[in-house]
Amino acid sequence: MRAKREYRDRTRTQVAVLDALVDRADEGMSVFELRAAVEVDIDELETALSTLKEDGLIVVESGSSETVIKPDEQVIPEAPTDEDDDQTIGEWLRDRFPF
């Protein structure tokens, strides 16, 4: 599942983080799981997480053994639609070319 359309105009890394978190919205993800899912270096991931946290789009829950990151409720689509599967030309270009 992908994050809502209104949150897809962010940097490529931020969108990838949101999409990965939306896929595992219930259990959340650790930083290590996110790094593996998004496939970026730790500095780029840290910057994306910091920006998303400041904007209120992710929730960080610190437990006794590890920190879990979850998407904020506003980012999660209510129900998957056919529109979510259609990729716009801008999204296609963004995936193909590193802007």
PDB file of N, CA and C in Angstrom:
ATOM      1  N   MET A   1       0.850  -1.168   0.000  1.00  0.00           N
ATOM      2  CA  MET A   1       0.000   0.000   0.000  1.00  0.00           C
ATOM      3  C   MET A   1       0.900   1.236   0.000  1.00  0.00           C
ATOM      4  N   ARG A   2       0.397   2.300  -0.559  1.00  0.00           N
ATOM      5  CA  ARG A   2       1.175   3.525  -0.628  1.00  0.00           C
ATOM      6  C   ARG A   2       0.524   4.607   0.218  1.00  0.00           C
ATOM      7  N   ALA A   3       1.334   5.574   0.604  1.00  0.00           N
ATOM      8  CA  ALA A   3       0.839   6.714   1.378  1.00  0.00           C
ATOM      9  C   ALA A   3      -0.156   7.497   0.528  1.00  0.00           C
ATOM     10  N   LYS A   4      -0.996   8.273   1.186  1.00  0.00           N
ATOM     11  CA  LYS A   4      -1.981   9.080   0.469  1.00  0.00           C
ATOM     12  C   LYS A   4      -1.298   9.988  -0.554  1.00  0.00           C
ATOM     13  N   ARG A   5      -2.018  10.285  -1.605  1.00  0.00           N
ATOM     14  CA  ARG A   5      -1.495  11.082  -2.714  1.00  0.00           C
ATOM     15  C   ARG A   5      -0.975  12.446  -2.260  1.00  0.00           C
ATOM     16  N   GLU A   6      -1.621  13.080  -1.298  1.00  0.00           N
ATOM     17  CA  GLU A   6      -1.200  14.421  -0.877  1.00  0.00           C
ATOM     18  C   GLU A   6       0.169  14.432  -0.193  1.00  0.00           C
ATOM     19  N   TYR A   7       0.706  13.252   0.141  1.00  0.00           N
ATOM     20  CA  TYR A   7       2.018  13.175   0.772  1.00  0.00           C
ATOM     21  C   TYR A   7       3.089  12.654  -0.187  1.00  0.00           C
ATOM     22  N   ARG A   8       2.782  12.576  -1.461  1.00  0.00           N
ATOM     23  CA  ARG A   8       3.702  12.016  -2.446  1.00  0.00           C
ATOM     24  C   ARG A   8       4.549  13.071  -3.149  1.00  0.00           C
ATOM     25  N   ASP A   9       4.406  14.338  -2.759  1.00  0.00           N
ATOM     26  CA  ASP A   9       5.181  15.403  -3.394  1.00  0.00           C
ATOM     27  C   ASP A   9       6.446  15.742  -2.602  1.00  0.00           C
ATOM     28  N   ARG A  10       6.876  14.835  -1.780  1.00  0.00           N
ATOM     29  CA  ARG A  10       8.076  15.018  -0.959  1.00  0.00           C
ATOM     30  C   ARG A  10       9.281  14.403  -1.666  1.00  0.00           C
ATOM     31  N   THR A  11      10.430  14.442  -1.014  1.00  0.00           N
ATOM     32  CA  THR A  11      11.621  13.844  -1.623  1.00  0.00           C
ATOM     33  C   THR A  11      11.412  12.348  -1.808  1.00  0.00           C
ATOM     34  N   ARG A  12      12.202  11.782  -2.694  1.00  0.00           N
ATOM     35  CA  ARG A  12      12.075  10.362  -3.006  1.00  0.00           C
ATOM     36  C   ARG A  12      12.255   9.500  -1.758  1.00  0.00           C
ATOM     37  N   THR A  13      13.211   9.852  -0.913  1.00  0.00           N
ATOM     38  CA  THR A  13      13.461   9.083   0.303  1.00  0.00           C
ATOM     39  C   THR A  13      12.295   9.184   1.270  1.00  0.00           C
ATOM     40  N   GLN A  14      11.745  10.377   1.441  1.00  0.00           N
ATOM     41  CA  GLN A  14      10.611  10.557   2.349  1.00  0.00           C
ATOM     42  C   GLN A  14       9.404   9.754   1.876  1.00  0.00           C
ATOM     43  N   VAL A  15       9.137   9.762   0.587  1.00  0.00           N
ATOM     44  CA  VAL A  15       8.010   8.996   0.045  1.00  0.00           C
ATOM     45  C   VAL A  15       8.253   7.503   0.242  1.00  0.00           C
ATOM     46  N   ALA A  16       9.469   7.045   0.007  1.00  0.00           N
ATOM     47  CA  ALA A  16       9.795   5.628   0.197  1.00  0.00           C
ATOM     48  C   ALA A  16       9.615   5.220   1.660  1.00  0.00           C
ATOM     49  N   VAL A  17      10.016   6.088   2.584  1.00  0.00           N
ATOM     50  CA  VAL A  17       9.841   5.811   4.017  1.00  0.00           C
ATOM     51  C   VAL A  17       8.357   5.726   4.351  1.00  0.00           C
ATOM     52  N   LEU A  18       7.584   6.689   3.894  1.00  0.00           N
ATOM     53  CA  LEU A  18       6.140   6.677   4.176  1.00  0.00           C
ATOM     54  C   LEU A  18       5.476   5.434   3.597  1.00  0.00           C
ATOM     55  N   ASP A  19       5.830   5.065   2.369  1.00  0.00           N
ATOM     56  CA  ASP A  19       5.250   3.868   1.750  1.00  0.00           C
ATOM     57  C   ASP A  19       5.601   2.609   2.539  1.00  0.00           C
ATOM     58  N   ALA A  20       6.856   2.502   2.952  1.00  0.00           N
ATOM     59  CA  ALA A  20       7.271   1.329   3.731  1.00  0.00           C
ATOM     60  C   ALA A  20       6.530   1.268   5.063  1.00  0.00           C
ATOM     61  N   LEU A  21       6.368   2.411   5.708  1.00  0.00           N
ATOM     62  CA  LEU A  21       5.667   2.442   6.995  1.00  0.00           C
ATOM     63  C   LEU A  21       4.181   2.149   6.843  1.00  0.00           C
ATOM     64  N   VAL A  22       3.570   2.636   5.769  1.00  0.00           N
ATOM     65  CA  VAL A  22       2.147   2.368   5.539  1.00  0.00           C
ATOM     66  C   VAL A  22       1.931   0.870   5.320  1.00  0.00           C
ATOM     67  N   ASP A  23       2.884   0.202   4.649  1.00  0.00           N
ATOM     68  CA  ASP A  23       2.775  -1.244   4.445  1.00  0.00           C
ATOM     69  C   ASP A  23       2.771  -2.009   5.759  1.00  0.00           C
ATOM     70  N   ARG A  24       3.437  -1.469   6.768  1.00  0.00           N
ATOM     71  CA  ARG A  24       3.511  -2.139   8.068  1.00  0.00           C
ATOM     72  C   ARG A  24       3.008  -1.209   9.165  1.00  0.00           C
ATOM     73  N   ALA A  25       1.867  -0.592   8.910  1.00  0.00           N
ATOM     74  CA  ALA A  25       1.321   0.425   9.813  1.00  0.00           C
ATOM     75  C   ALA A  25       1.025  -0.113  11.213  1.00  0.00           C
ATOM     76  N   ASP A  26       0.558  -1.333  11.321  1.00  0.00           N
ATOM     77  CA  ASP A  26       0.176  -1.864  12.630  1.00  0.00           C
ATOM     78  C   ASP A  26       1.364  -2.148  13.527  1.00  0.00           C
ATOM     79  N   GLU A  27       2.383  -2.815  12.996  1.00  0.00           N
ATOM     80  CA  GLU A  27       3.524  -3.180  13.832  1.00  0.00           C
ATOM     81  C   GLU A  27       4.654  -2.165  13.789  1.00  0.00           C
ATOM     82  N   GLY A  28       4.700  -1.311  12.768  1.00  0.00           N
ATOM     83  CA  GLY A  28       5.762  -0.320  12.651  1.00  0.00           C
ATOM     84  C   GLY A  28       7.062  -0.961  12.210  1.00  0.00           C
ATOM     85  N   MET A  29       8.110  -0.153  12.148  1.00  0.00           N
ATOM     86  CA  MET A  29       9.411  -0.645  11.691  1.00  0.00           C
ATOM     87  C   MET A  29      10.513  -0.002  12.524  1.00  0.00           C
ATOM     88  N   SER A  30      11.592  -0.748  12.693  1.00  0.00           N
ATOM     89  CA  SER A  30      12.768  -0.176  13.344  1.00  0.00           C
ATOM     90  C   SER A  30      13.564   0.593  12.296  1.00  0.00           C
ATOM     91  N   VAL A  31      14.546   1.354  12.734  1.00  0.00           N
ATOM     92  CA  VAL A  31      15.387   2.107  11.803  1.00  0.00           C
ATOM     93  C   VAL A  31      16.125   1.149  10.875  1.00  0.00           C
ATOM     94  N   PHE A  32      16.571   0.020  11.391  1.00  0.00           N
ATOM     95  CA  PHE A  32      17.293  -0.955  10.573  1.00  0.00           C
ATOM     96  C   PHE A  32      16.385  -1.551   9.499  1.00  0.00           C
ATOM     97  N   GLU A  33      15.135  -1.852   9.865  1.00  0.00           N
ATOM     98  CA  GLU A  33      14.188  -2.380   8.884  1.00  0.00           C
ATOM     99  C   GLU A  33      13.883  -1.337   7.812  1.00  0.00           C
ATOM    100  N   LEU A  34      13.737  -0.092   8.239  1.00  0.00           N
ATOM    101  CA  LEU A  34      13.491   0.984   7.285  1.00  0.00           C
ATOM    102  C   LEU A  34      14.667   1.166   6.335  1.00  0.00           C
ATOM    103  N   ARG A  35      15.860   1.117   6.881  1.00  0.00           N
ATOM    104  CA  ARG A  35      17.049   1.289   6.037  1.00  0.00           C
ATOM    105  C   ARG A  35      17.119   0.196   4.981  1.00  0.00           C
ATOM    106  N   ALA A  36      16.789  -1.027   5.345  1.00  0.00           N
ATOM    107  CA  ALA A  36      16.786  -2.131   4.388  1.00  0.00           C
ATOM    108  C   ALA A  36      15.680  -1.977   3.351  1.00  0.00           C
ATOM    109  N   ALA A  37      14.519  -1.506   3.785  1.00  0.00           N
ATOM    110  CA  ALA A  37      13.383  -1.359   2.870  1.00  0.00           C
ATOM    111  C   ALA A  37      13.572  -0.206   1.888  1.00  0.00           C
ATOM    112  N   VAL A  38      14.157   0.878   2.359  1.00  0.00           N
ATOM    113  CA  VAL A  38      14.289   2.081   1.540  1.00  0.00           C
ATOM    114  C   VAL A  38      15.584   2.075   0.730  1.00  0.00           C
ATOM    115  N   GLU A  39      16.597   1.364   1.222  1.00  0.00           N
ATOM    116  CA  GLU A  39      17.879   1.221   0.543  1.00  0.00           C
ATOM    117  C   GLU A  39      18.579   2.558   0.284  1.00  0.00           C
ATOM    118  N   VAL A  40      18.749   3.326   1.353  1.00  0.00           N
ATOM    119  CA  VAL A  40      19.519   4.575   1.304  1.00  0.00           C
ATOM    120  C   VAL A  40      20.526   4.543   2.442  1.00  0.00           C
ATOM    121  N   ASP A  41      21.506   5.440   2.380  1.00  0.00           N
ATOM    122  CA  ASP A  41      22.475   5.457   3.468  1.00  0.00           C
ATOM    123  C   ASP A  41      21.838   6.044   4.722  1.00  0.00           C
ATOM    124  N   ILE A  42      22.468   5.800   5.852  1.00  0.00           N
ATOM    125  CA  ILE A  42      21.900   6.155   7.145  1.00  0.00           C
ATOM    126  C   ILE A  42      21.711   7.662   7.307  1.00  0.00           C
ATOM    127  N   ASP A  43      22.608   8.456   6.735  1.00  0.00           N
ATOM    128  CA  ASP A  43      22.471   9.915   6.847  1.00  0.00           C
ATOM    129  C   ASP A  43      21.247  10.424   6.112  1.00  0.00           C
ATOM    130  N   GLU A  44      21.023   9.891   4.924  1.00  0.00           N
ATOM    131  CA  GLU A  44      19.846  10.292   4.140  1.00  0.00           C
ATOM    132  C   GLU A  44      18.559   9.853   4.832  1.00  0.00           C
ATOM    133  N   LEU A  45      18.576   8.649   5.404  1.00  0.00           N
ATOM    134  CA  LEU A  45      17.412   8.158   6.140  1.00  0.00           C
ATOM    135  C   LEU A  45      17.153   9.004   7.373  1.00  0.00           C
ATOM    136  N   GLU A  46      18.208   9.354   8.088  1.00  0.00           N
ATOM    137  CA  GLU A  46      18.065  10.180   9.287  1.00  0.00           C
ATOM    138  C   GLU A  46      17.465  11.544   8.955  1.00  0.00           C
ATOM    139  N   THR A  47      17.900  12.135   7.865  1.00  0.00           N
ATOM    140  CA  THR A  47      17.365  13.424   7.435  1.00  0.00           C
ATOM    141  C   THR A  47      15.885  13.305   7.084  1.00  0.00           C
ATOM    142  N   ALA A  48      15.527  12.257   6.354  1.00  0.00           N
ATOM    143  CA  ALA A  48      14.125  12.044   5.976  1.00  0.00           C
ATOM    144  C   ALA A  48      13.257  11.826   7.210  1.00  0.00           C
ATOM    145  N   LEU A  49      13.727  11.009   8.148  1.00  0.00           N
ATOM    146  CA  LEU A  49      12.954  10.751   9.361  1.00  0.00           C
ATOM    147  C   LEU A  49      12.789  12.014  10.191  1.00  0.00           C
ATOM    148  N   SER A  50      13.814  12.803  10.278  1.00  0.00           N
ATOM    149  CA  SER A  50      13.757  14.049  11.027  1.00  0.00           C
ATOM    150  C   SER A  50      12.706  14.994  10.439  1.00  0.00           C
ATOM    151  N   THR A  51      12.718  15.136   9.124  1.00  0.00           N
ATOM    152  CA  THR A  51      11.757  16.008   8.452  1.00  0.00           C
ATOM    153  C   THR A  51      10.334  15.485   8.620  1.00  0.00           C
ATOM    154  N   LEU A  52      10.141  14.188   8.450  1.00  0.00           N
ATOM    155  CA  LEU A  52       8.804  13.604   8.598  1.00  0.00           C
ATOM    156  C   LEU A  52       8.294  13.747  10.029  1.00  0.00           C
ATOM    157  N   LYS A  53       9.180  13.612  11.010  1.00  0.00           N
ATOM    158  CA  LYS A  53       8.798  13.779  12.418  1.00  0.00           C
ATOM    159  C   LYS A  53       8.392  15.222  12.690  1.00  0.00           C
ATOM    160  N   GLU A  54       9.179  16.178  12.190  1.00  0.00           N
ATOM    161  CA  GLU A  54       8.861  17.598  12.371  1.00  0.00           C
ATOM    162  C   GLU A  54       7.515  17.956  11.753  1.00  0.00           C
ATOM    163  N   ASP A  55       7.193  17.327  10.618  1.00  0.00           N
ATOM    164  CA  ASP A  55       5.946  17.606   9.919  1.00  0.00           C
ATOM    165  C   ASP A  55       4.768  16.819  10.485  1.00  0.00           C
ATOM    166  N   GLY A  56       5.014  15.975  11.489  1.00  0.00           N
ATOM    167  CA  GLY A  56       3.936  15.222  12.130  1.00  0.00           C
ATOM    168  C   GLY A  56       3.404  14.071  11.301  1.00  0.00           C
ATOM    169  N   LEU A  57       4.228  13.519  10.410  1.00  0.00           N
ATOM    170  CA  LEU A  57       3.769  12.442   9.535  1.00  0.00           C
ATOM    171  C   LEU A  57       4.177  11.059  10.021  1.00  0.00           C
ATOM    172  N   ILE A  58       5.048  10.996  11.032  1.00  0.00           N
ATOM    173  CA  ILE A  58       5.421   9.718  11.629  1.00  0.00           C
ATOM    174  C   ILE A  58       5.346   9.838  13.147  1.00  0.00           C
ATOM    175  N   VAL A  59       5.189   8.679  13.784  1.00  0.00           N
ATOM    176  CA  VAL A  59       5.142   8.590  15.239  1.00  0.00           C
ATOM    177  C   VAL A  59       6.270   7.668  15.676  1.00  0.00           C
ATOM    178  N   VAL A  60       7.059   8.109  16.632  1.00  0.00           N
ATOM    179  CA  VAL A  60       8.174   7.312  17.137  1.00  0.00           C
ATOM    180  C   VAL A  60       7.811   6.820  18.529  1.00  0.00           C
ATOM    181  N   GLU A  61       7.798   5.500  18.682  1.00  0.00           N
ATOM    182  CA  GLU A  61       7.469   4.881  19.961  1.00  0.00           C
ATOM    183  C   GLU A  61       8.708   4.186  20.506  1.00  0.00           C
ATOM    184  N   SER A  62       9.168   4.631  21.653  1.00  0.00           N
ATOM    185  CA  SER A  62      10.352   4.028  22.283  1.00  0.00           C
ATOM    186  C   SER A  62       9.903   2.996  23.296  1.00  0.00           C
ATOM    187  N   GLY A  63      10.314   1.765  23.060  1.00  0.00           N
ATOM    188  CA  GLY A  63      10.007   0.687  23.982  1.00  0.00           C
ATOM    189  C   GLY A  63      11.225   0.348  24.805  1.00  0.00           C
ATOM    190  N   SER A  64      11.114  -0.700  25.590  1.00  0.00           N
ATOM    191  CA  SER A  64      12.238  -1.088  26.439  1.00  0.00           C
ATOM    192  C   SER A  64      13.388  -1.679  25.633  1.00  0.00           C
ATOM    193  N   SER A  65      13.081  -2.332  24.520  1.00  0.00           N
ATOM    194  CA  SER A  65      14.152  -2.977  23.767  1.00  0.00           C
ATOM    195  C   SER A  65      14.499  -2.274  22.458  1.00  0.00           C
ATOM    196  N   GLU A  66      13.525  -1.637  21.802  1.00  0.00           N
ATOM    197  CA  GLU A  66      13.834  -0.957  20.549  1.00  0.00           C
ATOM    198  C   GLU A  66      12.840   0.164  20.273  1.00  0.00           C
ATOM    199  N   THR A  67      13.231   1.038  19.373  1.00  0.00           N
ATOM    200  CA  THR A  67      12.383   2.140  18.949  1.00  0.00           C
ATOM    201  C   THR A  67      11.658   1.725  17.673  1.00  0.00           C
ATOM    202  N   VAL A  68      10.355   1.955  17.659  1.00  0.00           N
ATOM    203  CA  VAL A  68       9.529   1.588  16.515  1.00  0.00           C
ATOM    204  C   VAL A  68       8.945   2.861  15.905  1.00  0.00           C
ATOM    205  N   ILE A  69       8.990   2.937  14.587  1.00  0.00           N
ATOM    206  CA  ILE A  69       8.469   4.090  13.865  1.00  0.00           C
ATOM    207  C   ILE A  69       7.227   3.650  13.116  1.00  0.00           C
ATOM    208  N   LYS A  70       6.159   4.446  13.244  1.00  0.00           N
ATOM    209  CA  LYS A  70       4.891   4.159  12.575  1.00  0.00           C
ATOM    210  C   LYS A  70       4.427   5.397  11.829  1.00  0.00           C
ATOM    211  N   PRO A  71       3.615   5.204  10.799  1.00  0.00           N
ATOM    212  CA  PRO A  71       3.072   6.369  10.103  1.00  0.00           C
ATOM    213  C   PRO A  71       1.951   6.992  10.921  1.00  0.00           C
ATOM    214  N   ASP A  72       1.795   8.295  10.834  1.00  0.00           N
ATOM    215  CA  ASP A  72       0.676   8.954  11.473  1.00  0.00           C
ATOM    216  C   ASP A  72      -0.602   8.536  10.748  1.00  0.00           C
ATOM    217  N   GLU A  73      -1.714   8.527  11.446  1.00  0.00           N
ATOM    218  CA  GLU A  73      -2.989   8.095  10.861  1.00  0.00           C
ATOM    219  C   GLU A  73      -3.365   8.865   9.600  1.00  0.00           C
ATOM    220  N   GLN A  74      -2.983  10.147   9.530  1.00  0.00           N
ATOM    221  CA  GLN A  74      -3.363  10.963   8.371  1.00  0.00           C
ATOM    222  C   GLN A  74      -2.688  10.514   7.081  1.00  0.00           C
ATOM    223  N   VAL A  75      -1.607   9.750   7.168  1.00  0.00           N
ATOM    224  CA  VAL A  75      -0.851   9.306   5.997  1.00  0.00           C
ATOM    225  C   VAL A  75      -1.433   8.023   5.404  1.00  0.00           C
ATOM    226  N   ILE A  76      -2.103   7.238   6.232  1.00  0.00           N
ATOM    227  CA  ILE A  76      -2.615   5.931   5.819  1.00  0.00           C
ATOM    228  C   ILE A  76      -3.920   6.102   5.051  1.00  0.00           C
ATOM    229  N   PRO A  77      -4.001   5.561   3.825  1.00  0.00           N
ATOM    230  CA  PRO A  77      -5.253   5.645   3.071  1.00  0.00           C
ATOM    231  C   PRO A  77      -6.340   4.812   3.750  1.00  0.00           C
ATOM    232  N   GLU A  78      -7.582   5.267   3.612  1.00  0.00           N
ATOM    233  CA  GLU A  78      -8.697   4.557   4.238  1.00  0.00           C
ATOM    234  C   GLU A  78      -8.871   3.162   3.660  1.00  0.00           C
ATOM    235  N   ALA A  79      -8.864   3.060   2.338  1.00  0.00           N
ATOM    236  CA  ALA A  79      -9.009   1.769   1.673  1.00  0.00           C
ATOM    237  C   ALA A  79      -8.237   1.823   0.363  1.00  0.00           C
ATOM    238  N   PRO A  80      -7.628   0.720  -0.016  1.00  0.00           N
ATOM    239  CA  PRO A  80      -6.915   0.726  -1.295  1.00  0.00           C
ATOM    240  C   PRO A  80      -7.896   0.919  -2.446  1.00  0.00           C
ATOM    241  N   THR A  81      -7.485   1.713  -3.401  1.00  0.00           N
ATOM    242  CA  THR A  81      -8.311   1.942  -4.580  1.00  0.00           C
ATOM    243  C   THR A  81      -7.499   1.665  -5.827  1.00  0.00           C
ATOM    244  N   ASP A  82      -8.179   1.588  -6.942  1.00  0.00           N
ATOM    245  CA  ASP A  82      -7.476   1.398  -8.209  1.00  0.00           C
ATOM    246  C   ASP A  82      -6.568   2.582  -8.496  1.00  0.00           C
ATOM    247  N   GLU A  83      -6.939   3.750  -8.005  1.00  0.00           N
ATOM    248  CA  GLU A  83      -6.144   4.954  -8.208  1.00  0.00           C
ATOM    249  C   GLU A  83      -4.762   4.813  -7.594  1.00  0.00           C
ATOM    250  N   ASP A  84      -4.650   4.082  -6.487  1.00  0.00           N
ATOM    251  CA  ASP A  84      -3.365   3.893  -5.829  1.00  0.00           C
ATOM    252  C   ASP A  84      -2.404   3.088  -6.695  1.00  0.00           C
ATOM    253  N   ASP A  85      -2.931   2.195  -7.525  1.00  0.00           N
ATOM    254  CA  ASP A  85      -2.090   1.363  -8.361  1.00  0.00           C
ATOM    255  C   ASP A  85      -1.621   2.088  -9.612  1.00  0.00           C
ATOM    256  N   ASP A  86      -2.317   3.142 -10.008  1.00  0.00           N
ATOM    257  CA  ASP A  86      -1.927   3.909 -11.182  1.00  0.00           C
ATOM    258  C   ASP A  86      -0.814   4.861 -10.812  1.00  0.00           C
ATOM    259  N   GLN A  87       0.255   4.806 -11.590  1.00  0.00           N
ATOM    260  CA  GLN A  87       1.404   5.660 -11.333  1.00  0.00           C
ATOM    261  C   GLN A  87       1.347   6.832 -12.295  1.00  0.00           C
ATOM    262  N   THR A  88       1.454   8.033 -11.767  1.00  0.00           N
ATOM    263  CA  THR A  88       1.440   9.207 -12.634  1.00  0.00           C
ATOM    264  C   THR A  88       2.763   9.290 -13.389  1.00  0.00           C
ATOM    265  N   ILE A  89       2.772  10.074 -14.450  1.00  0.00           N
ATOM    266  CA  ILE A  89       3.989  10.228 -15.234  1.00  0.00           C
ATOM    267  C   ILE A  89       5.100  10.857 -14.394  1.00  0.00           C
ATOM    268  N   GLY A  90       4.715  11.776 -13.510  1.00  0.00           N
ATOM    269  CA  GLY A  90       5.702  12.392 -12.620  1.00  0.00           C
ATOM    270  C   GLY A  90       6.328  11.381 -11.680  1.00  0.00           C
ATOM    271  N   GLU A  91       5.506  10.490 -11.127  1.00  0.00           N
ATOM    272  CA  GLU A  91       6.024   9.449 -10.242  1.00  0.00           C
ATOM    273  C   GLU A  91       6.905   8.472 -11.004  1.00  0.00           C
ATOM    274  N   TRP A  92       6.508   8.148 -12.240  1.00  0.00           N
ATOM    275  CA  TRP A  92       7.295   7.254 -13.063  1.00  0.00           C
ATOM    276  C   TRP A  92       8.665   7.867 -13.334  1.00  0.00           C
ATOM    277  N   LEU A  93       8.679   9.156 -13.702  1.00  0.00           N
ATOM    278  CA  LEU A  93       9.942   9.848 -13.967  1.00  0.00           C
ATOM    279  C   LEU A  93      10.802   9.933 -12.713  1.00  0.00           C
ATOM    280  N   ARG A  94      10.184  10.218 -11.567  1.00  0.00           N
ATOM    281  CA  ARG A  94      10.912  10.320 -10.306  1.00  0.00           C
ATOM    282  C   ARG A  94      11.566   8.989  -9.948  1.00  0.00           C
ATOM    283  N   ASP A  95      10.877   7.877 -10.241  1.00  0.00           N
ATOM    284  CA  ASP A  95      11.451   6.564  -9.971  1.00  0.00           C
ATOM    285  C   ASP A  95      12.620   6.243 -10.893  1.00  0.00           C
ATOM    286  N   ARG A  96      12.569   6.751 -12.123  1.00  0.00           N
ATOM    287  CA  ARG A  96      13.582   6.414 -13.127  1.00  0.00           C
ATOM    288  C   ARG A  96      14.815   7.317 -13.074  1.00  0.00           C
ATOM    289  N   PHE A  97      14.607   8.591 -12.742  1.00  0.00           N
ATOM    290  CA  PHE A  97      15.698   9.554 -12.774  1.00  0.00           C
ATOM    291  C   PHE A  97      15.922  10.158 -11.391  1.00  0.00           C
ATOM    292  N   PRO A  98      17.151  10.179 -10.923  1.00  0.00           N
ATOM    293  CA  PRO A  98      17.434  10.736  -9.581  1.00  0.00           C
ATOM    294  C   PRO A  98      17.436  12.265  -9.591  1.00  0.00           C
ATOM    295  N   PHE A  99      16.294  12.854  -9.340  1.00  0.00           N
ATOM    296  CA  PHE A  99      16.180  14.325  -9.341  1.00  0.00           C
ATOM    297  C   PHE A  99      16.675  14.861  -8.033  1.00  0.00           C
TER     298      PHE A  99
END
